[in-house]
Amino acid sequence: MNNGQSSTSNGFDPKRIKEEMESEKSDGEEISSATAQRLFQDVMADINVEMAELQHEIELFTPEEQAWINDQAVINLKDVQKTVAFARRKDMEHTTKYQKMLLEQKRKALKTFKKRLEQNTRYNPGRVAKSRAAETAYPSDDEIEVLHEKVVKKKKSKKK
């Protein structure tokens, strides 16, 4: 692990980076700009890989669903920018913190979309397969009963 290879699947090994930083600090000098640049590039490469994987997962959906997910990610980003000061600064757009925040907002939008899909899906007891719940313009049985009660009440009030 100390030979520069990472133990995690995404190539980012926090222990290795911490060891390198401590070894440079123990020499009595600040972290060199070359090391800082290398660490920055490693983290940005990991973020870009995760973003590409997430984008590939989003591309598996229909164009309408992709548009909804991307719109929701933009809405989430605007919400964060309203509440977090650093997200509004233009010079922060190229930092790892900002890129991680973008990645998390896209993940959040995808998670919200998947939750919506699960809620619109129900099991049909007559079949094993899942089917979407029928969305019709007809009133449900409960709505029909309420409408019927209102009509009956009106008729009684007219007889008096």
N, C-alpha and C. Protein backbone atom coordinates (compact mmCIF):
# COMPACT_ATOMS: atom_id res chain seq x y z
N MET A 1 0.82 -1.19 0.00
CA MET A 1 0.00 0.00 0.00
C MET A 1 0.87 1.26 0.00
N ASN A 2 2.04 1.21 0.59
CA ASN A 2 2.91 2.38 0.63
C ASN A 2 3.65 2.61 -0.67
N ASN A 3 3.56 1.68 -1.62
CA ASN A 3 4.27 1.84 -2.87
C ASN A 3 3.51 2.68 -3.89
N GLY A 4 2.46 3.36 -3.45
CA GLY A 4 1.73 4.24 -4.36
C GLY A 4 0.46 3.65 -4.90
N GLN A 5 0.20 2.37 -4.62
CA GLN A 5 -1.04 1.77 -5.10
C GLN A 5 -2.10 1.89 -4.02
N SER A 6 -3.32 2.07 -4.44
CA SER A 6 -4.39 2.27 -3.47
C SER A 6 -5.07 0.96 -3.14
N SER A 7 -5.72 0.98 -1.97
CA SER A 7 -6.43 -0.23 -1.55
C SER A 7 -7.92 -0.15 -1.84
N THR A 8 -8.39 1.02 -2.25
CA THR A 8 -9.82 1.15 -2.52
C THR A 8 -10.08 1.01 -4.00
N SER A 9 -11.35 0.78 -4.32
CA SER A 9 -11.71 0.52 -5.71
C SER A 9 -11.66 1.78 -6.58
N ASN A 10 -11.86 2.95 -5.99
CA ASN A 10 -11.88 4.15 -6.81
C ASN A 10 -10.53 4.84 -6.92
N GLY A 11 -9.48 4.26 -6.32
CA GLY A 11 -8.15 4.82 -6.47
C GLY A 11 -7.80 5.87 -5.45
N PHE A 12 -8.66 6.21 -4.54
CA PHE A 12 -8.43 7.23 -3.53
C PHE A 12 -8.18 6.54 -2.21
N ASP A 13 -6.97 6.68 -1.68
CA ASP A 13 -6.62 6.03 -0.43
C ASP A 13 -6.27 7.12 0.59
N PRO A 14 -7.19 7.43 1.49
CA PRO A 14 -6.94 8.51 2.45
C PRO A 14 -5.74 8.24 3.35
N LYS A 15 -5.50 6.97 3.70
CA LYS A 15 -4.36 6.65 4.57
C LYS A 15 -3.05 6.98 3.88
N ARG A 16 -2.95 6.65 2.60
CA ARG A 16 -1.73 6.92 1.85
C ARG A 16 -1.48 8.42 1.77
N ILE A 17 -2.52 9.17 1.49
CA ILE A 17 -2.37 10.62 1.38
C ILE A 17 -1.98 11.22 2.73
N LYS A 18 -2.61 10.73 3.80
CA LYS A 18 -2.29 11.23 5.13
C LYS A 18 -0.83 10.93 5.48
N GLU A 19 -0.37 9.71 5.14
CA GLU A 19 1.02 9.34 5.41
C GLU A 19 1.98 10.24 4.64
N GLU A 20 1.66 10.52 3.38
CA GLU A 20 2.53 11.39 2.58
C GLU A 20 2.56 12.80 3.15
N MET A 21 1.41 13.28 3.58
CA MET A 21 1.36 14.63 4.13
C MET A 21 2.15 14.70 5.44
N GLU A 22 2.01 13.68 6.30
CA GLU A 22 2.74 13.67 7.56
C GLU A 22 4.24 13.54 7.34
N SER A 23 4.64 12.75 6.35
CA SER A 23 6.07 12.61 6.08
C SER A 23 6.67 13.93 5.60
N GLU A 24 5.92 14.68 4.82
CA GLU A 24 6.42 15.97 4.36
C GLU A 24 6.42 16.99 5.49
N LYS A 25 5.41 16.93 6.38
CA LYS A 25 5.37 17.86 7.50
C LYS A 25 6.49 17.56 8.50
N SER A 26 6.82 16.28 8.65
CA SER A 26 7.86 15.90 9.60
C SER A 26 9.22 16.43 9.18
N ASP A 27 9.40 16.72 7.93
CA ASP A 27 10.65 17.29 7.45
C ASP A 27 10.79 18.75 7.87
N GLY A 28 9.75 19.31 8.47
CA GLY A 28 9.81 20.68 8.94
C GLY A 28 9.45 21.70 7.89
N GLU A 29 8.89 21.29 6.80
CA GLU A 29 8.52 22.24 5.75
C GLU A 29 7.06 22.05 5.36
N GLU A 30 6.52 23.02 4.72
CA GLU A 30 5.14 22.97 4.25
C GLU A 30 4.99 21.92 3.15
N ILE A 31 3.75 21.55 2.86
CA ILE A 31 3.51 20.64 1.75
C ILE A 31 3.91 21.36 0.47
N SER A 32 4.68 20.69 -0.34
CA SER A 32 5.15 21.33 -1.57
C SER A 32 3.99 21.52 -2.53
N SER A 33 4.14 22.48 -3.39
CA SER A 33 3.08 22.74 -4.34
C SER A 33 2.92 21.58 -5.31
N ALA A 34 4.00 20.87 -5.60
CA ALA A 34 3.91 19.71 -6.49
C ALA A 34 3.08 18.60 -5.85
N THR A 35 3.30 18.37 -4.56
CA THR A 35 2.53 17.35 -3.85
C THR A 35 1.07 17.76 -3.75
N ALA A 36 0.84 19.02 -3.42
CA ALA A 36 -0.53 19.51 -3.32
C ALA A 36 -1.24 19.40 -4.67
N GLN A 37 -0.53 19.73 -5.73
CA GLN A 37 -1.11 19.63 -7.07
C GLN A 37 -1.43 18.19 -7.41
N ARG A 38 -0.53 17.26 -7.05
CA ARG A 38 -0.76 15.85 -7.32
C ARG A 38 -1.97 15.33 -6.53
N LEU A 39 -2.08 15.73 -5.27
CA LEU A 39 -3.22 15.32 -4.45
C LEU A 39 -4.52 15.88 -5.03
N PHE A 40 -4.48 17.13 -5.46
CA PHE A 40 -5.66 17.76 -6.07
C PHE A 40 -6.07 17.00 -7.33
N GLN A 41 -5.10 16.68 -8.16
CA GLN A 41 -5.40 15.95 -9.40
C GLN A 41 -5.95 14.56 -9.12
N ASP A 42 -5.43 13.89 -8.08
CA ASP A 42 -5.95 12.57 -7.71
C ASP A 42 -7.41 12.64 -7.30
N VAL A 43 -7.71 13.61 -6.45
CA VAL A 43 -9.09 13.76 -5.96
C VAL A 43 -10.02 14.14 -7.10
N MET A 44 -9.58 15.07 -7.95
CA MET A 44 -10.42 15.48 -9.08
C MET A 44 -10.63 14.33 -10.06
N ALA A 45 -9.62 13.50 -10.26
CA ALA A 45 -9.78 12.34 -11.14
C ALA A 45 -10.81 11.38 -10.57
N ASP A 46 -10.77 11.17 -9.26
CA ASP A 46 -11.76 10.29 -8.62
C ASP A 46 -13.17 10.85 -8.75
N ILE A 47 -13.29 12.16 -8.56
CA ILE A 47 -14.61 12.80 -8.68
C ILE A 47 -15.11 12.68 -10.11
N ASN A 48 -14.23 12.88 -11.08
CA ASN A 48 -14.63 12.78 -12.49
C ASN A 48 -15.06 11.36 -12.85
N VAL A 49 -14.39 10.36 -12.30
CA VAL A 49 -14.77 8.97 -12.55
C VAL A 49 -16.16 8.70 -11.96
N GLU A 50 -16.38 9.15 -10.73
CA GLU A 50 -17.69 8.95 -10.10
C GLU A 50 -18.79 9.68 -10.87
N MET A 51 -18.48 10.89 -11.36
CA MET A 51 -19.46 11.66 -12.12
C MET A 51 -19.78 10.94 -13.44
N ALA A 52 -18.77 10.37 -14.08
CA ALA A 52 -19.00 9.64 -15.33
C ALA A 52 -19.85 8.40 -15.09
N GLU A 53 -19.59 7.69 -13.98
CA GLU A 53 -20.40 6.51 -13.65
C GLU A 53 -21.85 6.92 -13.39
N LEU A 54 -22.03 8.01 -12.68
CA LEU A 54 -23.38 8.49 -12.38
C LEU A 54 -24.08 8.93 -13.66
N GLN A 55 -23.36 9.60 -14.55
CA GLN A 55 -23.94 10.03 -15.82
C GLN A 55 -24.33 8.83 -16.67
N HIS A 56 -23.50 7.79 -16.64
CA HIS A 56 -23.82 6.56 -17.39
C HIS A 56 -25.09 5.92 -16.83
N GLU A 57 -25.24 5.93 -15.52
CA GLU A 57 -26.44 5.38 -14.90
C GLU A 57 -27.68 6.19 -15.29
N ILE A 58 -27.54 7.50 -15.38
CA ILE A 58 -28.66 8.35 -15.76
C ILE A 58 -29.03 8.12 -17.23
N GLU A 59 -28.04 7.86 -18.07
CA GLU A 59 -28.30 7.65 -19.49
C GLU A 59 -29.10 6.38 -19.77
N LEU A 60 -29.24 5.51 -18.80
CA LEU A 60 -30.02 4.29 -18.98
C LEU A 60 -31.52 4.57 -18.97
N PHE A 61 -31.92 5.76 -18.52
CA PHE A 61 -33.33 6.12 -18.47
C PHE A 61 -33.76 6.76 -19.79
N THR A 62 -35.07 6.97 -19.93
CA THR A 62 -35.59 7.62 -21.14
C THR A 62 -35.19 9.09 -21.14
N PRO A 63 -35.25 9.75 -22.31
CA PRO A 63 -34.88 11.18 -22.36
C PRO A 63 -35.71 12.06 -21.42
N GLU A 64 -37.00 11.76 -21.28
CA GLU A 64 -37.83 12.55 -20.38
C GLU A 64 -37.37 12.38 -18.94
N GLU A 65 -37.04 11.14 -18.57
CA GLU A 65 -36.59 10.87 -17.22
C GLU A 65 -35.22 11.51 -16.98
N GLN A 66 -34.36 11.48 -17.98
CA GLN A 66 -33.05 12.13 -17.87
C GLN A 66 -33.22 13.63 -17.66
N ALA A 67 -34.13 14.22 -18.41
CA ALA A 67 -34.37 15.66 -18.27
C ALA A 67 -34.87 15.99 -16.87
N TRP A 68 -35.76 15.14 -16.33
CA TRP A 68 -36.29 15.38 -14.98
C TRP A 68 -35.16 15.30 -13.96
N ILE A 69 -34.30 14.29 -14.08
CA ILE A 69 -33.20 14.11 -13.13
C ILE A 69 -32.24 15.31 -13.21
N ASN A 70 -31.90 15.73 -14.41
CA ASN A 70 -30.98 16.86 -14.56
C ASN A 70 -31.61 18.15 -14.05
N ASP A 71 -32.90 18.36 -14.31
CA ASP A 71 -33.59 19.55 -13.80
C ASP A 71 -33.62 19.53 -12.28
N GLN A 72 -33.87 18.37 -11.71
CA GLN A 72 -33.91 18.25 -10.25
C GLN A 72 -32.52 18.52 -9.66
N ALA A 73 -31.48 18.08 -10.33
CA ALA A 73 -30.11 18.35 -9.86
C ALA A 73 -29.83 19.85 -9.87
N VAL A 74 -30.31 20.55 -10.89
CA VAL A 74 -30.13 22.01 -10.97
C VAL A 74 -30.90 22.69 -9.84
N ILE A 75 -32.11 22.22 -9.57
CA ILE A 75 -32.90 22.77 -8.47
C ILE A 75 -32.18 22.55 -7.15
N ASN A 76 -31.66 21.34 -6.94
CA ASN A 76 -30.91 21.05 -5.71
C ASN A 76 -29.70 21.96 -5.59
N LEU A 77 -28.99 22.18 -6.69
CA LEU A 77 -27.81 23.04 -6.69
C LEU A 77 -28.20 24.47 -6.31
N LYS A 78 -29.28 24.97 -6.86
CA LYS A 78 -29.72 26.33 -6.54
C LYS A 78 -30.11 26.45 -5.07
N ASP A 79 -30.73 25.39 -4.53
CA ASP A 79 -31.08 25.40 -3.11
C ASP A 79 -29.82 25.47 -2.24
N VAL A 80 -28.80 24.72 -2.62
CA VAL A 80 -27.54 24.75 -1.87
C VAL A 80 -26.89 26.12 -2.00
N GLN A 81 -26.91 26.70 -3.19
CA GLN A 81 -26.30 28.01 -3.39
C GLN A 81 -27.00 29.09 -2.58
N LYS A 82 -28.30 28.93 -2.33
CA LYS A 82 -29.01 29.90 -1.51
C LYS A 82 -28.54 29.86 -0.06
N THR A 83 -28.22 28.66 0.43
CA THR A 83 -27.91 28.51 1.84
C THR A 83 -26.42 28.47 2.16
N VAL A 84 -25.58 28.08 1.21
CA VAL A 84 -24.15 27.93 1.47
C VAL A 84 -23.39 29.01 0.71
N ALA A 85 -22.66 29.82 1.44
CA ALA A 85 -21.99 30.98 0.84
C ALA A 85 -20.91 30.59 -0.16
N PHE A 86 -20.12 29.56 0.15
CA PHE A 86 -19.02 29.22 -0.76
C PHE A 86 -19.51 28.76 -2.12
N ALA A 87 -20.72 28.20 -2.18
CA ALA A 87 -21.25 27.68 -3.44
C ALA A 87 -21.62 28.81 -4.41
N ARG A 88 -21.80 30.02 -3.89
CA ARG A 88 -22.16 31.16 -4.75
C ARG A 88 -20.93 31.82 -5.38
N ARG A 89 -19.77 31.57 -4.83
CA ARG A 89 -18.55 32.21 -5.34
C ARG A 89 -18.09 31.54 -6.62
N LYS A 90 -17.79 32.35 -7.62
CA LYS A 90 -17.36 31.82 -8.93
C LYS A 90 -15.99 31.16 -8.85
N ASP A 91 -15.10 31.67 -7.99
CA ASP A 91 -13.76 31.09 -7.91
C ASP A 91 -13.74 29.72 -7.22
N MET A 92 -14.84 29.32 -6.61
CA MET A 92 -14.90 28.02 -5.93
C MET A 92 -15.32 26.90 -6.87
N GLU A 93 -15.73 27.22 -8.09
CA GLU A 93 -16.24 26.20 -9.00
C GLU A 93 -15.20 25.15 -9.38
N HIS A 94 -13.94 25.46 -9.24
CA HIS A 94 -12.89 24.51 -9.64
C HIS A 94 -12.26 23.81 -8.45
N THR A 95 -12.88 23.92 -7.28
CA THR A 95 -12.35 23.25 -6.10
C THR A 95 -12.96 21.87 -5.95
N THR A 96 -12.28 21.03 -5.20
CA THR A 96 -12.79 19.67 -4.98
C THR A 96 -14.06 19.70 -4.15
N LYS A 97 -14.13 20.63 -3.21
CA LYS A 97 -15.32 20.73 -2.36
C LYS A 97 -16.56 21.02 -3.20
N TYR A 98 -16.44 21.94 -4.14
CA TYR A 98 -17.56 22.31 -5.00
C TYR A 98 -17.93 21.15 -5.92
N GLN A 99 -16.93 20.48 -6.48
CA GLN A 99 -17.20 19.36 -7.38
C GLN A 99 -17.87 18.20 -6.63
N LYS A 100 -17.44 17.96 -5.39
CA LYS A 100 -18.09 16.92 -4.58
C LYS A 100 -19.54 17.30 -4.31
N MET A 101 -19.78 18.58 -4.07
CA MET A 101 -21.15 19.04 -3.82
C MET A 101 -22.01 18.83 -5.07
N LEU A 102 -21.47 19.12 -6.25
CA LEU A 102 -22.20 18.88 -7.49
C LEU A 102 -22.53 17.40 -7.65
N LEU A 103 -21.57 16.55 -7.36
CA LEU A 103 -21.76 15.11 -7.45
C LEU A 103 -22.87 14.65 -6.50
N GLU A 104 -22.86 15.17 -5.28
CA GLU A 104 -23.87 14.78 -4.30
C GLU A 104 -25.26 15.27 -4.71
N GLN A 105 -25.36 16.44 -5.32
CA GLN A 105 -26.67 16.94 -5.74
C GLN A 105 -27.22 16.08 -6.87
N LYS A 106 -26.36 15.62 -7.76
CA LYS A 106 -26.81 14.74 -8.84
C LYS A 106 -27.24 13.39 -8.28
N ARG A 107 -26.48 12.88 -7.30
CA ARG A 107 -26.87 11.62 -6.65
C ARG A 107 -28.21 11.77 -5.95
N LYS A 108 -28.40 12.89 -5.29
CA LYS A 108 -29.65 13.15 -4.59
C LYS A 108 -30.82 13.17 -5.57
N ALA A 109 -30.64 13.80 -6.71
CA ALA A 109 -31.69 13.86 -7.73
C ALA A 109 -32.01 12.46 -8.25
N LEU A 110 -30.99 11.66 -8.48
CA LEU A 110 -31.21 10.29 -8.97
C LEU A 110 -31.92 9.45 -7.91
N LYS A 111 -31.54 9.63 -6.66
CA LYS A 111 -32.19 8.90 -5.56
C LYS A 111 -33.66 9.30 -5.45
N THR A 112 -33.94 10.59 -5.58
CA THR A 112 -35.33 11.07 -5.54
C THR A 112 -36.13 10.48 -6.68
N PHE A 113 -35.53 10.42 -7.87
CA PHE A 113 -36.23 9.86 -9.02
C PHE A 113 -36.54 8.38 -8.81
N LYS A 114 -35.56 7.64 -8.31
CA LYS A 114 -35.78 6.20 -8.07
C LYS A 114 -36.86 5.98 -7.02
N LYS A 115 -36.90 6.85 -6.02
CA LYS A 115 -37.94 6.73 -4.99
C LYS A 115 -39.32 6.99 -5.60
N ARG A 116 -39.39 7.97 -6.50
CA ARG A 116 -40.66 8.24 -7.19
C ARG A 116 -41.11 7.05 -8.02
N LEU A 117 -40.16 6.40 -8.70
CA LEU A 117 -40.50 5.21 -9.49
C LEU A 117 -41.05 4.10 -8.61
N GLU A 118 -40.43 3.90 -7.46
CA GLU A 118 -40.89 2.86 -6.54
C GLU A 118 -42.29 3.16 -6.03
N GLN A 119 -42.59 4.41 -5.77
CA GLN A 119 -43.90 4.76 -5.23
C GLN A 119 -44.99 4.64 -6.27
N ASN A 120 -44.67 4.79 -7.55
CA ASN A 120 -45.66 4.65 -8.62
C ASN A 120 -45.82 3.22 -9.07
N THR A 121 -45.07 2.31 -8.51
CA THR A 121 -45.13 0.92 -8.91
C THR A 121 -45.81 0.13 -7.81
N ARG A 122 -46.70 -0.75 -8.20
CA ARG A 122 -47.38 -1.59 -7.21
C ARG A 122 -47.39 -3.01 -7.72
N TYR A 123 -47.60 -3.92 -6.81
CA TYR A 123 -47.69 -5.32 -7.19
C TYR A 123 -49.13 -5.64 -7.55
N ASN A 124 -49.32 -6.31 -8.66
CA ASN A 124 -50.64 -6.77 -9.06
C ASN A 124 -50.81 -8.16 -8.46
N PRO A 125 -51.80 -8.34 -7.57
CA PRO A 125 -51.92 -9.64 -6.90
C PRO A 125 -52.23 -10.78 -7.86
N GLY A 126 -52.79 -10.50 -9.01
CA GLY A 126 -53.11 -11.55 -9.97
C GLY A 126 -51.92 -11.97 -10.81
N ARG A 127 -50.84 -11.21 -10.74
CA ARG A 127 -49.66 -11.51 -11.54
C ARG A 127 -48.42 -11.35 -10.68
N VAL A 128 -47.36 -11.95 -11.11
CA VAL A 128 -46.11 -11.84 -10.38
C VAL A 128 -45.37 -10.56 -10.77
N ALA A 129 -45.53 -10.15 -12.00
CA ALA A 129 -44.79 -9.00 -12.51
C ALA A 129 -45.29 -7.70 -11.89
N LYS A 130 -44.40 -6.74 -11.80
CA LYS A 130 -44.79 -5.41 -11.34
C LYS A 130 -45.45 -4.67 -12.49
N SER A 131 -46.40 -3.83 -12.16
CA SER A 131 -47.01 -3.00 -13.19
C SER A 131 -47.24 -1.62 -12.60
N ARG A 132 -47.20 -0.65 -13.45
CA ARG A 132 -47.44 0.72 -12.99
C ARG A 132 -48.89 0.87 -12.58
N ALA A 133 -49.12 1.65 -11.55
CA ALA A 133 -50.48 1.93 -11.12
C ALA A 133 -51.16 2.74 -12.21
N ALA A 134 -52.38 2.37 -12.51
CA ALA A 134 -53.10 3.04 -13.58
C ALA A 134 -53.44 4.46 -13.15
N GLU A 135 -53.14 5.39 -14.02
CA GLU A 135 -53.47 6.78 -13.76
C GLU A 135 -54.59 7.17 -14.72
N THR A 136 -55.78 7.32 -14.18
CA THR A 136 -56.93 7.65 -15.02
C THR A 136 -57.56 8.93 -14.53
N ALA A 137 -58.41 9.49 -15.34
CA ALA A 137 -59.11 10.72 -14.98
C ALA A 137 -60.41 10.40 -14.25
N TYR A 138 -60.76 9.13 -14.15
CA TYR A 138 -61.98 8.75 -13.48
C TYR A 138 -61.81 8.84 -11.97
N PRO A 139 -62.87 9.23 -11.26
CA PRO A 139 -62.77 9.32 -9.80
C PRO A 139 -62.67 7.93 -9.18
N SER A 140 -61.99 7.87 -8.04
CA SER A 140 -61.85 6.60 -7.34
C SER A 140 -63.16 6.28 -6.61
N ASP A 141 -63.23 5.07 -6.03
CA ASP A 141 -64.43 4.66 -5.31
C ASP A 141 -64.72 5.58 -4.13
N ASP A 142 -63.68 6.01 -3.44
CA ASP A 142 -63.87 6.92 -2.30
C ASP A 142 -64.45 8.25 -2.76
N GLU A 143 -63.95 8.77 -3.87
CA GLU A 143 -64.46 10.03 -4.40
C GLU A 143 -65.90 9.89 -4.84
N ILE A 144 -66.27 8.75 -5.41
CA ILE A 144 -67.65 8.52 -5.84
C ILE A 144 -68.58 8.51 -4.64
N GLU A 145 -68.16 7.86 -3.55
CA GLU A 145 -68.99 7.83 -2.34
C GLU A 145 -69.20 9.22 -1.78
N VAL A 146 -68.16 10.04 -1.76
CA VAL A 146 -68.27 11.41 -1.26
C VAL A 146 -69.22 12.21 -2.14
N LEU A 147 -69.09 12.08 -3.45
CA LEU A 147 -69.99 12.79 -4.36
C LEU A 147 -71.43 12.33 -4.16
N HIS A 148 -71.63 11.03 -3.96
CA HIS A 148 -72.97 10.49 -3.76
C HIS A 148 -73.58 11.04 -2.46
N GLU A 149 -72.78 11.14 -1.40
CA GLU A 149 -73.28 11.68 -0.14
C GLU A 149 -73.71 13.13 -0.31
N LYS A 150 -72.95 13.91 -1.05
CA LYS A 150 -73.30 15.32 -1.26
C LYS A 150 -74.61 15.43 -2.03
N VAL A 151 -74.81 14.59 -3.02
CA VAL A 151 -76.04 14.62 -3.81
C VAL A 151 -77.22 14.23 -2.94
N VAL A 152 -77.08 13.21 -2.12
CA VAL A 152 -78.16 12.76 -1.25
C VAL A 152 -78.52 13.84 -0.25
N LYS A 153 -77.56 14.50 0.32
CA LYS A 153 -77.83 15.56 1.28
C LYS A 153 -78.58 16.71 0.63
N LYS A 154 -78.24 17.05 -0.57
CA LYS A 154 -78.92 18.13 -1.26
C LYS A 154 -80.38 17.78 -1.51
N LYS A 155 -80.67 16.55 -1.86
CA LYS A 155 -82.04 16.14 -2.11
C LYS A 155 -82.87 16.23 -0.84
N LYS A 156 -82.32 15.84 0.28
CA LYS A 156 -83.05 15.89 1.54
C LYS A 156 -83.35 17.33 1.93
N SER A 157 -82.42 18.21 1.71
CA SER A 157 -82.64 19.60 2.10
C SER A 157 -83.70 20.28 1.23
N LYS A 158 -83.90 19.83 0.00
CA LYS A 158 -84.89 20.43 -0.89
C LYS A 158 -86.30 20.00 -0.51
N LYS A 159 -86.49 18.83 0.10
CA LYS A 159 -87.82 18.34 0.47
C LYS A 159 -88.41 19.13 1.63
N LYS A 160 -87.62 19.70 2.45
CA LYS A 160 -88.14 20.43 3.61
C LYS A 160 -88.65 21.73 3.22
